[in-house]
C-alpha atoms as a PDB file:
ATOM      1  CA  MET A   1      20.442  14.637   9.572  1.00  0.00           C
ATOM      2  CA  SER A   2      17.448  12.309   8.010  1.00  0.00           C
ATOM      3  CA  LYS A   3      15.342  10.254  10.832  1.00  0.00           C
ATOM      4  CA  GLY A   4      14.531   6.987   7.572  1.00  0.00           C
ATOM      5  CA  PHE A   5      12.257   6.774   5.420  1.00  0.00           C
ATOM      6  CA  SER A   6       8.268   8.855   4.970  1.00  0.00           C
ATOM      7  CA  HIS A   7       6.719   6.459   2.739  1.00  0.00           C
ATOM      8  CA  VAL A   8       6.279   4.006   0.136  1.00  0.00           C
ATOM      9  CA  GLY A   9       4.552   4.404  -2.717  1.00  0.00           C
ATOM     10  CA  LEU A  10       2.192   0.943  -4.122  1.00  0.00           C
ATOM     11  CA  SER A  11      -0.160   1.374  -6.862  1.00  0.00           C
ATOM     12  CA  THR A  12      -3.464  -0.196  -6.856  1.00  0.00           C
ATOM     13  CA  ARG A  13      -6.445  -0.793  -9.504  1.00  0.00           C
ATOM     14  CA  ASN A  14      -8.821  -1.040  -6.757  1.00  0.00           C
ATOM     15  CA  MET A  15      -8.103   1.433  -3.789  1.00  0.00           C
ATOM     16  CA  ASP A  16     -11.306  -0.150  -1.669  1.00  0.00           C
ATOM     17  CA  ALA A  17     -10.579  -3.369  -1.704  1.00  0.00           C
ATOM     18  CA  THR A  18      -7.057  -1.792  -0.837  1.00  0.00           C
ATOM     19  CA  VAL A  19      -8.673   0.569   1.596  1.00  0.00           C
ATOM     20  CA  ASP A  20     -10.786  -3.031   3.823  1.00  0.00           C
ATOM     21  CA  PHE A  21      -7.052  -4.778   3.882  1.00  0.00           C
ATOM     22  CA  TYR A  22      -5.290  -1.865   5.019  1.00  0.00           C
ATOM     23  CA  GLN A  23      -7.972  -1.376   7.472  1.00  0.00           C
ATOM     24  CA  GLU A  24      -9.909  -4.131   8.693  1.00  0.00           C
ATOM     25  CA  VAL A  25      -7.258  -7.110   8.059  1.00  0.00           C
ATOM     26  CA  LEU A  26      -4.648  -5.109   8.903  1.00  0.00           C
ATOM     27  CA  GLY A  27      -5.226  -2.505  11.205  1.00  0.00           C
ATOM     28  CA  PHE A  28      -3.260  -0.194  10.696  1.00  0.00           C
ATOM     29  CA  ASN A  29      -5.055   3.479  10.577  1.00  0.00           C
ATOM     30  CA  CYS A  30      -5.920   5.313   7.417  1.00  0.00           C
ATOM     31  CA  VAL A  31      -4.691   8.275   8.187  1.00  0.00           C
ATOM     32  CA  ALA A  32      -4.772  10.765   4.646  1.00  0.00           C
ATOM     33  CA  GLU A  33      -7.358  10.479   1.144  1.00  0.00           C
ATOM     34  CA  ASN A  34      -6.673  13.293  -1.658  1.00  0.00           C
ATOM     35  CA  GLN A  35      -8.045  13.529  -5.039  1.00  0.00           C
ATOM     36  CA  ILE A  36      -5.295  14.620  -6.983  1.00  0.00           C
ATOM     37  CA  THR A  37      -6.357  16.251  -9.838  1.00  0.00           C
ATOM     38  CA  VAL A  38      -4.448  15.643 -13.098  1.00  0.00           C
ATOM     39  CA  GLU A  39      -3.672  18.359 -15.736  1.00  0.00           C
ATOM     40  CA  GLU A  40      -4.290  16.063 -18.922  1.00  0.00           C
ATOM     41  CA  GLY A  41      -7.001  14.951 -17.509  1.00  0.00           C
ATOM     42  CA  GLY A  42      -8.401  12.342 -14.909  1.00  0.00           C
ATOM     43  CA  HIS A  43      -7.175  11.852 -11.162  1.00  0.00           C
ATOM     44  CA  LEU A  44      -5.807   9.983  -9.138  1.00  0.00           C
ATOM     45  CA  ARG A  45      -7.031   8.428  -5.867  1.00  0.00           C
ATOM     46  CA  GLN A  46      -4.862   8.544  -2.538  1.00  0.00           C
ATOM     47  CA  VAL A  47      -4.244   7.208   0.154  1.00  0.00           C
ATOM     48  CA  GLU A  48      -1.594   6.769   3.852  1.00  0.00           C
ATOM     49  CA  PHE A  49      -1.799   4.677   6.376  1.00  0.00           C
ATOM     50  CA  ASP A  50       0.261   4.820   9.528  1.00  0.00           C
ATOM     51  CA  ILE A  51       2.330   1.951  10.253  1.00  0.00           C
ATOM     52  CA  GLY A  52       3.600   4.041  12.671  1.00  0.00           C
ATOM     53  CA  ASP A  53       6.402   5.326  14.249  1.00  0.00           C
ATOM     54  CA  GLY A  54       6.045   8.550  11.946  1.00  0.00           C
ATOM     55  CA  GLN A  55       6.216   6.246   8.797  1.00  0.00           C
ATOM     56  CA  PHE A  56       3.710   5.201   6.143  1.00  0.00           C
ATOM     57  CA  ILE A  57       2.015   3.214   3.096  1.00  0.00           C
ATOM     58  CA  GLY A  58       0.627   4.827   0.813  1.00  0.00           C
ATOM     59  CA  PHE A  59      -1.082   4.122  -2.720  1.00  0.00           C
ATOM     60  CA  LEU A  60      -2.314   5.500  -6.127  1.00  0.00           C
ATOM     61  CA  GLU A  61      -5.160   4.923  -8.543  1.00  0.00           C
ATOM     62  CA  SER A  62      -5.933   6.958 -11.886  1.00  0.00           C
ATOM     63  CA  HIS A  63      -8.600   7.873 -13.298  1.00  0.00           C
ATOM     64  CA  ASN A  64      -8.947   8.271 -16.905  1.00  0.00           C
ATOM     65  CA  VAL A  65      -5.639   9.846 -16.454  1.00  0.00           C
ATOM     66  CA  PRO A  66      -4.390  10.123 -20.109  1.00  0.00           C
ATOM     67  CA  GLY A  67      -0.872   7.609 -20.953  1.00  0.00           C
ATOM     68  CA  ILE A  68      -2.201   5.605 -18.129  1.00  0.00           C
ATOM     69  CA  ALA A  69      -3.670   1.839 -19.814  1.00  0.00           C
ATOM     70  CA  GLU A  70      -7.042   1.021 -17.443  1.00  0.00           C
ATOM     71  CA  GLU A  71      -5.125  -2.778 -17.194  1.00  0.00           C
ATOM     72  CA  TYR A  72      -1.433  -2.651 -16.003  1.00  0.00           C
ATOM     73  CA  ASP A  73       0.344  -5.503 -13.421  1.00  0.00           C
ATOM     74  CA  THR A  74       0.078  -3.779  -9.757  1.00  0.00           C
ATOM     75  CA  GLY A  75       2.952  -6.288  -8.883  1.00  0.00           C
ATOM     76  CA  ILE A  76       6.461  -4.528  -8.336  1.00  0.00           C
ATOM     77  CA  THR A  77       8.131  -8.268  -9.062  1.00  0.00           C
ATOM     78  CA  SER A  78       5.709  -9.938 -11.882  1.00  0.00           C
ATOM     79  CA  SER A  79       5.537  -6.331 -13.866  1.00  0.00           C
ATOM     80  CA  LEU A  80       9.590  -7.120 -12.754  1.00  0.00           C
ATOM     81  CA  GLY A  81       9.358 -10.325 -14.307  1.00  0.00           C
ATOM     82  CA  VAL A  82      11.796 -10.759 -10.721  1.00  0.00           C
ATOM     83  CA  PRO A  83      11.915 -13.283  -8.066  1.00  0.00           C
ATOM     84  CA  SER A  84       8.161 -12.341  -6.004  1.00  0.00           C
ATOM     85  CA  MET A  85      10.963 -12.343  -2.419  1.00  0.00           C
ATOM     86  CA  PHE A  86      13.360  -9.395  -4.500  1.00  0.00           C
ATOM     87  CA  TYR A  87      11.382  -6.759  -4.081  1.00  0.00           C
ATOM     88  CA  HIS A  88       8.497  -6.623  -1.131  1.00  0.00           C
ATOM     89  CA  VAL A  89       8.108  -4.160   2.135  1.00  0.00           C
ATOM     90  CA  ALA A  90       7.857  -5.556   6.019  1.00  0.00           C
ATOM     91  CA  PHE A  91       6.201  -3.891   8.537  1.00  0.00           C
ATOM     92  CA  ASN A  92       8.847  -4.829  11.862  1.00  0.00           C
ATOM     93  CA  VAL A  93       7.331  -6.660  14.632  1.00  0.00           C
ATOM     94  CA  ALA A  94       8.909  -6.179  17.968  1.00  0.00           C
ATOM     95  CA  THR A  95       8.884  -9.846  19.061  1.00  0.00           C
ATOM     96  CA  LEU A  96       8.106 -13.261  17.784  1.00  0.00           C
ATOM     97  CA  GLU A  97       5.651 -13.429  20.087  1.00  0.00           C
ATOM     98  CA  LYS A  98       3.844 -10.343  19.115  1.00  0.00           C
ATOM     99  CA  LEU A  99       4.395 -12.384  14.893  1.00  0.00           C
ATOM    100  CA  THR A 100       2.613 -15.266  15.913  1.00  0.00           C
ATOM    101  CA  HIS A 101       0.089 -13.514  17.903  1.00  0.00           C
ATOM    102  CA  ILE A 102      -0.100 -11.638  14.011  1.00  0.00           C
ATOM    103  CA  ARG A 103       0.328 -14.663  11.665  1.00  0.00           C
ATOM    104  CA  SER A 104      -3.075 -16.649  13.859  1.00  0.00           C
ATOM    105  CA  ASP A 105      -4.877 -12.709  13.853  1.00  0.00           C
ATOM    106  CA  LEU A 106      -3.953 -13.048   9.603  1.00  0.00           C
ATOM    107  CA  GLU A 107      -4.669 -16.817   9.375  1.00  0.00           C
ATOM    108  CA  ALA A 108      -7.931 -16.803  11.162  1.00  0.00           C
ATOM    109  CA  LYS A 109      -8.884 -13.913   8.682  1.00  0.00           C
ATOM    110  CA  GLY A 110      -8.241 -15.686   5.415  1.00  0.00           C
END
């Protein structure tokens, strides 16, 4: 029986900036970092963050993998050509007061 999702996987072209944002700005713990060797060449850098309740968000960054362009649009909605609000990741917050606190903290961090 399913208990929800395990993780959401997303792409990044700048893993260091992604790690900094999710750890330092959002406060999620980085729980795994792997290098996956691709048989055809190159490798993938994989990083996962614990977002609570046994759920994770993971990112992949490609390095010299045949068939993966060096430059590509990592924006889910813009690359699919749909309105910006359609595909997104939303985090659960227990109370409106907590949401207000998080919003103020994020605004202070720019």
